[in-house]
């Protein structure tokens, strides 16, 4: 169930789990369980990259080639300001 997966990937990403970033990118890029949103997909790819990850998914490998400059700029701005909430501890 992609809607349930989205919920859990979002929670994991908010707590800093790097693998969840590319999982969210894939869900957004393919529109699995939610509307397709390439800006959000690219945002999560950029967050993965900023955290030192290597996103090997289609939305991360060639997204910029099919996106408008304003979409890329919006995604990069969101990625730059995003921080995990890191609950607990």
C-alpha atoms as a PDB file:
ATOM      1  CA  UNK A   1       0.000   0.000   0.000  1.00  0.00           C
ATOM      2  CA  UNK A   2       1.733   3.141  -1.246  1.00  0.00           C
ATOM      3  CA  UNK A   3      -0.255   5.515   0.975  1.00  0.00           C
ATOM      4  CA  UNK A   4       0.897   3.661   4.062  1.00  0.00           C
ATOM      5  CA  UNK A   5       4.442   3.520   2.735  1.00  0.00           C
ATOM      6  CA  UNK A   6       4.350   7.281   2.174  1.00  0.00           C
ATOM      7  CA  UNK A   7       3.321   7.843   5.784  1.00  0.00           C
ATOM      8  CA  UNK A   8       6.150   5.685   7.140  1.00  0.00           C
ATOM      9  CA  UNK A   9       8.790   7.021   4.734  1.00  0.00           C
ATOM     10  CA  UNK A  10       7.830  10.561   5.733  1.00  0.00           C
ATOM     11  CA  UNK A  11       8.184   9.744   9.424  1.00  0.00           C
ATOM     12  CA  UNK A  12      11.529   8.064   8.794  1.00  0.00           C
ATOM     13  CA  UNK A  13      12.789  11.008   6.730  1.00  0.00           C
ATOM     14  CA  UNK A  14      11.740  13.449   9.450  1.00  0.00           C
ATOM     15  CA  UNK A  15      13.916  11.486  11.850  1.00  0.00           C
ATOM     16  CA  UNK A  16      16.923  11.565   9.551  1.00  0.00           C
ATOM     17  CA  UNK A  17      16.807   8.112   7.955  1.00  0.00           C
ATOM     18  CA  UNK A  18      18.646   8.658   4.666  1.00  0.00           C
ATOM     19  CA  UNK A  19      17.088   5.725   2.808  1.00  0.00           C
ATOM     20  CA  UNK A  20      13.661   7.275   3.234  1.00  0.00           C
ATOM     21  CA  UNK A  21      14.715  10.317   1.185  1.00  0.00           C
ATOM     22  CA  UNK A  22      15.049   8.343  -2.033  1.00  0.00           C
ATOM     23  CA  UNK A  23      11.971   6.277  -1.195  1.00  0.00           C
ATOM     24  CA  UNK A  24       9.964   9.500  -0.996  1.00  0.00           C
ATOM     25  CA  UNK A  25      11.535  10.741  -4.223  1.00  0.00           C
ATOM     26  CA  UNK A  26      10.389   7.584  -6.011  1.00  0.00           C
ATOM     27  CA  UNK A  27       6.828   7.823  -4.660  1.00  0.00           C
ATOM     28  CA  UNK A  28       6.530  11.467  -5.710  1.00  0.00           C
ATOM     29  CA  UNK A  29       8.158  10.918  -9.111  1.00  0.00           C
ATOM     30  CA  UNK A  30       5.963   7.968 -10.014  1.00  0.00           C
ATOM     31  CA  UNK A  31       2.814   9.231  -8.284  1.00  0.00           C
ATOM     32  CA  UNK A  32       2.513   6.140  -6.125  1.00  0.00           C
ATOM     33  CA  UNK A  33      -0.102   6.696  -3.425  1.00  0.00           C
ATOM     34  CA  UNK A  34      -0.139  10.443  -4.036  1.00  0.00           C
ATOM     35  CA  UNK A  35      -0.235  12.830  -6.994  1.00  0.00           C
ATOM     36  CA  UNK A  36       2.936  12.995  -9.102  1.00  0.00           C
ATOM     37  CA  UNK A  37       5.050  15.930  -8.025  1.00  0.00           C
ATOM     38  CA  UNK A  38       8.448  16.262  -9.644  1.00  0.00           C
ATOM     39  CA  UNK A  39       9.387  19.271  -7.512  1.00  0.00           C
ATOM     40  CA  UNK A  40       8.910  17.221  -4.339  1.00  0.00           C
ATOM     41  CA  UNK A  41      10.681  14.267  -5.952  1.00  0.00           C
ATOM     42  CA  UNK A  42      13.681  16.400  -6.847  1.00  0.00           C
ATOM     43  CA  UNK A  43      13.656  18.005  -3.395  1.00  0.00           C
ATOM     44  CA  UNK A  44      14.075  14.591  -1.777  1.00  0.00           C
ATOM     45  CA  UNK A  45      16.831  13.680  -4.253  1.00  0.00           C
ATOM     46  CA  UNK A  46      18.666  16.874  -3.331  1.00  0.00           C
ATOM     47  CA  UNK A  47      18.221  16.196   0.394  1.00  0.00           C
ATOM     48  CA  UNK A  48      19.725  12.744  -0.118  1.00  0.00           C
ATOM     49  CA  UNK A  49      22.648  14.289  -2.014  1.00  0.00           C
ATOM     50  CA  UNK A  50      23.182  16.988   0.626  1.00  0.00           C
ATOM     51  CA  UNK A  51      23.334  14.274   3.268  1.00  0.00           C
ATOM     52  CA  UNK A  52      26.043  12.504   1.300  1.00  0.00           C
ATOM     53  CA  UNK A  53      23.793   9.856  -0.186  1.00  0.00           C
ATOM     54  CA  UNK A  54      23.854   8.599  -3.731  1.00  0.00           C
ATOM     55  CA  UNK A  55      20.330   8.515  -5.050  1.00  0.00           C
ATOM     56  CA  UNK A  56      20.265   5.983  -7.874  1.00  0.00           C
ATOM     57  CA  UNK A  57      16.667   6.428  -8.930  1.00  0.00           C
ATOM     58  CA  UNK A  58      15.367   7.818 -12.222  1.00  0.00           C
ATOM     59  CA  UNK A  59      14.027  10.975 -10.546  1.00  0.00           C
ATOM     60  CA  UNK A  60      17.517  11.682  -9.251  1.00  0.00           C
ATOM     61  CA  UNK A  61      19.534  10.685 -12.289  1.00  0.00           C
ATOM     62  CA  UNK A  62      17.866  12.800 -14.942  1.00  0.00           C
ATOM     63  CA  UNK A  63      15.132  14.858 -13.375  1.00  0.00           C
ATOM     64  CA  UNK A  64      16.712  18.204 -14.159  1.00  0.00           C
ATOM     65  CA  UNK A  65      16.634  17.386 -17.874  1.00  0.00           C
ATOM     66  CA  UNK A  66      12.827  17.267 -17.872  1.00  0.00           C
ATOM     67  CA  UNK A  67      12.142  20.002 -15.336  1.00  0.00           C
ATOM     68  CA  UNK A  68      11.762  23.746 -15.803  1.00  0.00           C
ATOM     69  CA  UNK A  69      14.356  25.985 -14.162  1.00  0.00           C
ATOM     70  CA  UNK A  70      11.769  27.410 -11.723  1.00  0.00           C
ATOM     71  CA  UNK A  71      10.871  23.862 -10.605  1.00  0.00           C
ATOM     72  CA  UNK A  72      14.524  23.008 -10.014  1.00  0.00           C
ATOM     73  CA  UNK A  73      15.087  26.264  -8.129  1.00  0.00           C
ATOM     74  CA  UNK A  74      12.037  25.642  -5.907  1.00  0.00           C
ATOM     75  CA  UNK A  75      13.121  22.071  -5.132  1.00  0.00           C
ATOM     76  CA  UNK A  76      16.690  23.123  -4.359  1.00  0.00           C
ATOM     77  CA  UNK A  77      15.500  25.928  -2.067  1.00  0.00           C
ATOM     78  CA  UNK A  78      13.277  23.510  -0.133  1.00  0.00           C
ATOM     79  CA  UNK A  79      16.111  20.994   0.133  1.00  0.00           C
ATOM     80  CA  UNK A  80      18.564  23.598   1.412  1.00  0.00           C
ATOM     81  CA  UNK A  81      16.283  24.614   4.275  1.00  0.00           C
ATOM     82  CA  UNK A  82      14.964  21.154   5.194  1.00  0.00           C
ATOM     83  CA  UNK A  83      16.098  19.669   8.495  1.00  0.00           C
ATOM     84  CA  UNK A  84      15.009  16.419  10.170  1.00  0.00           C
ATOM     85  CA  UNK A  85      13.067  16.867  13.401  1.00  0.00           C
ATOM     86  CA  UNK A  86      14.983  14.102  15.235  1.00  0.00           C
ATOM     87  CA  UNK A  87      12.390  13.331  17.919  1.00  0.00           C
ATOM     88  CA  UNK A  88      13.346  11.571  21.087  1.00  0.00           C
ATOM     89  CA  UNK A  89      16.711  11.033  22.660  1.00  0.00           C
END
